[in-house]
Amino acid sequence: RTRRGMGVVWAGRGATQTNHLQWTVRFAIAKEQEAIDFYTQLAATAKWEAVANELRSIAAMEVDHKQRLQRMNIQVAATTVNPKATNLKIADYLVEIQPSDNMTWQDILNIAMRRELVAMNLYNDLASIIADGTAKQMVENLSAEESKHKLYFEGIWDQEILTEN
């Protein structure tokens, strides 16, 4: 059986390790595209050029993440997937707050930090189920890059939101 969602196909019970990993990587690709769209749109509306430039830079990094995932050799990586990985934890990777036209800067930072946290967690979990060295290193690197994005937004939060309150 398959179930569609997020533009990807999820293979249910009896799914092979290849199907499981393929679905997870497709999900990650879809989430990267969401991040690209989010940061590109946010950059277009940013009040300060320095922030807009940083958001465009982050969007470009997300494009790179998407391309690396698209180049990943699923067949090779799936041959070494840890079979204990049965919980997809999809809810853990969804951002509850959705962007809207009337968001405050605090709302935007909240969404950005949450997006980066869930991306980081997704890649950490994906790395934990892959034993193939090349694929594992790639997703660990993606996780590290997402953590840097999160730290960037946390720094802004610390400077601009916490000092106001």
Protein backbone atom coordinates (compact mmCIF):
# COMPACT_ATOMS: atom_id res chain seq x y z
CA ARG A 1 0.00 0.00 0.00
CA THR A 2 1.08 3.53 -0.58
CA ARG A 3 -0.12 6.82 0.80
CA ARG A 4 0.55 10.14 -0.87
CA GLY A 5 1.53 13.24 1.02
CA MET A 6 4.01 16.08 0.74
CA GLY A 7 4.50 15.19 -2.93
CA VAL A 8 6.10 11.85 -2.07
CA VAL A 9 4.94 8.26 -1.78
CA TRP A 10 5.17 6.47 1.54
CA ALA A 11 5.38 2.70 1.45
CA GLY A 12 3.61 1.10 4.39
CA ARG A 13 4.05 -2.30 6.03
CA GLY A 14 6.30 -4.64 4.14
CA ALA A 15 8.21 -1.79 2.56
CA THR A 16 11.77 -2.54 1.67
CA GLN A 17 14.66 -0.64 3.16
CA THR A 18 15.16 0.95 -0.24
CA ASN A 19 11.55 2.18 -0.31
CA HIS A 20 11.82 3.48 3.26
CA LEU A 21 15.03 5.38 2.57
CA GLN A 22 13.78 6.60 -0.81
CA TRP A 23 10.61 7.97 0.80
CA THR A 24 12.58 9.64 3.59
CA VAL A 25 14.98 11.29 1.15
CA ARG A 26 12.09 12.47 -1.05
CA PHE A 27 10.43 13.90 2.05
CA ALA A 28 13.67 15.70 2.92
CA ILE A 29 13.90 17.07 -0.64
CA ALA A 30 10.34 18.40 -0.37
CA LYS A 31 11.18 20.04 2.97
CA GLU A 32 14.28 21.64 1.44
CA GLN A 33 12.13 23.08 -1.35
CA GLU A 34 9.77 24.50 1.27
CA ALA A 35 12.77 26.10 2.98
CA ILE A 36 14.02 27.54 -0.32
CA ASP A 37 10.62 29.08 -0.99
CA PHE A 38 10.29 30.36 2.58
CA TYR A 39 13.68 32.08 2.73
CA THR A 40 13.40 33.47 -0.80
CA GLN A 41 10.01 35.00 -0.04
CA LEU A 42 11.23 36.27 3.32
CA ALA A 43 14.28 37.90 1.73
CA ALA A 44 12.01 39.73 -0.70
CA THR A 45 10.12 41.30 2.20
CA ALA A 46 13.01 41.93 4.60
CA LYS A 47 13.31 45.50 5.89
CA TRP A 48 17.13 45.47 6.10
CA GLU A 49 19.36 44.61 3.17
CA ALA A 50 21.86 42.78 5.40
CA VAL A 51 19.10 40.46 6.62
CA ALA A 52 17.78 40.01 3.07
CA ASN A 53 21.28 39.06 1.89
CA GLU A 54 21.66 36.53 4.71
CA LEU A 55 18.24 35.03 3.93
CA ARG A 56 19.20 34.71 0.24
CA SER A 57 22.43 33.05 1.33
CA ILE A 58 20.51 30.56 3.48
CA ALA A 59 18.11 29.90 0.58
CA ALA A 60 21.12 29.16 -1.64
CA MET A 61 22.44 26.71 0.96
CA GLU A 62 19.05 25.00 1.03
CA VAL A 63 19.25 24.68 -2.78
CA ASP A 64 22.61 22.96 -2.31
CA HIS A 65 21.09 20.63 0.31
CA LYS A 66 18.29 19.69 -2.09
CA GLN A 67 20.76 19.00 -4.90
CA ARG A 68 22.94 16.82 -2.67
CA LEU A 69 19.91 14.80 -1.62
CA GLN A 70 18.84 14.43 -5.25
CA ARG A 71 22.30 13.07 -6.14
CA MET A 72 22.29 10.57 -3.25
CA ASN A 73 22.59 6.96 -4.42
CA ILE A 74 19.60 5.43 -2.65
CA GLN A 75 20.35 1.89 -3.83
CA VAL A 76 23.82 1.94 -2.26
CA ALA A 77 22.73 3.70 0.92
CA ALA A 78 19.72 1.39 1.40
CA THR A 79 21.86 -1.73 1.44
CA THR A 80 23.24 -0.62 4.77
CA VAL A 81 20.13 0.88 6.38
CA ASN A 82 19.71 -0.15 9.99
CA PRO A 83 16.58 -2.35 10.06
CA LYS A 84 15.46 -0.97 13.45
CA ALA A 85 14.26 2.23 11.73
CA THR A 86 10.52 1.67 11.67
CA ASN A 87 9.19 4.91 13.14
CA LEU A 88 9.15 7.61 10.44
CA LYS A 89 8.32 10.30 13.05
CA ILE A 90 6.85 12.52 10.36
CA ALA A 91 5.06 14.71 12.89
CA ASP A 92 8.46 15.53 14.39
CA TYR A 93 9.52 17.11 11.10
CA LEU A 94 6.52 19.33 10.46
CA VAL A 95 6.49 23.00 11.38
CA GLU A 96 3.27 23.82 13.18
CA ILE A 97 3.29 27.56 12.51
CA GLN A 98 2.69 28.50 8.89
CA PRO A 99 3.73 31.82 7.36
CA SER A 100 1.02 34.42 6.83
CA ASP A 101 0.83 37.97 5.53
CA ASN A 102 0.35 39.52 8.98
CA MET A 103 3.32 37.94 10.77
CA THR A 104 5.50 39.92 13.12
CA TRP A 105 9.29 39.73 12.97
CA GLN A 106 9.10 37.58 16.12
CA ASP A 107 6.72 35.17 14.33
CA ILE A 108 9.08 34.96 11.34
CA LEU A 109 12.08 34.21 13.55
CA ASN A 110 10.05 31.62 15.44
CA ILE A 111 9.17 29.83 12.20
CA ALA A 112 12.73 30.05 10.89
CA MET A 113 14.23 28.61 14.10
CA ARG A 114 11.65 25.82 14.17
CA ARG A 115 12.23 24.98 10.48
CA GLU A 116 15.97 24.69 11.05
CA LEU A 117 15.50 22.60 14.20
CA VAL A 118 13.22 20.09 12.48
CA ALA A 119 15.55 19.90 9.46
CA MET A 120 18.49 19.28 11.77
CA ASN A 121 16.55 16.54 13.60
CA LEU A 122 15.47 14.94 10.33
CA TYR A 123 19.07 14.68 9.15
CA ASN A 124 20.28 13.40 12.54
CA ASP A 125 17.65 10.67 12.47
CA LEU A 126 18.42 9.83 8.86
CA ALA A 127 22.14 9.60 9.66
CA SER A 128 21.37 7.21 12.52
CA ILE A 129 19.81 4.67 10.15
CA ILE A 130 22.40 4.79 7.37
CA ALA A 131 25.64 2.86 7.71
CA ASP A 132 26.99 3.70 4.23
CA GLY A 133 29.84 6.07 5.03
CA THR A 134 29.36 8.48 2.13
CA ALA A 135 25.61 8.89 2.56
CA LYS A 136 25.91 9.07 6.35
CA GLN A 137 28.55 11.80 6.15
CA MET A 138 26.44 13.77 3.70
CA VAL A 139 23.36 13.83 5.94
CA GLU A 140 25.50 14.56 9.01
CA ASN A 141 26.93 17.55 7.13
CA LEU A 142 23.41 18.67 6.23
CA SER A 143 22.44 18.47 9.89
CA ALA A 144 25.45 20.56 10.88
CA GLU A 145 24.59 23.19 8.28
CA GLU A 146 20.98 23.35 9.46
CA SER A 147 22.23 23.82 13.03
CA LYS A 148 24.27 26.83 11.84
CA HIS A 149 21.14 28.30 10.23
CA LYS A 150 19.25 27.77 13.49
CA LEU A 151 22.06 29.45 15.43
CA TYR A 152 21.92 32.43 13.06
CA PHE A 153 18.20 32.95 13.75
CA GLU A 154 18.69 32.36 17.48
CA GLY A 155 21.33 35.10 17.46
CA ILE A 156 18.88 37.52 15.87
CA TRP A 157 16.24 36.46 18.41
CA ASP A 158 18.68 37.09 21.24
CA GLN A 159 19.67 40.54 19.91
CA GLU A 160 16.30 41.81 18.76
CA ILE A 161 13.53 40.00 20.61
CA LEU A 162 14.99 39.25 24.04
CA THR A 163 16.42 42.74 24.39
CA GLU A 164 13.00 44.25 23.65
CA ASN A 165 11.26 42.25 26.37
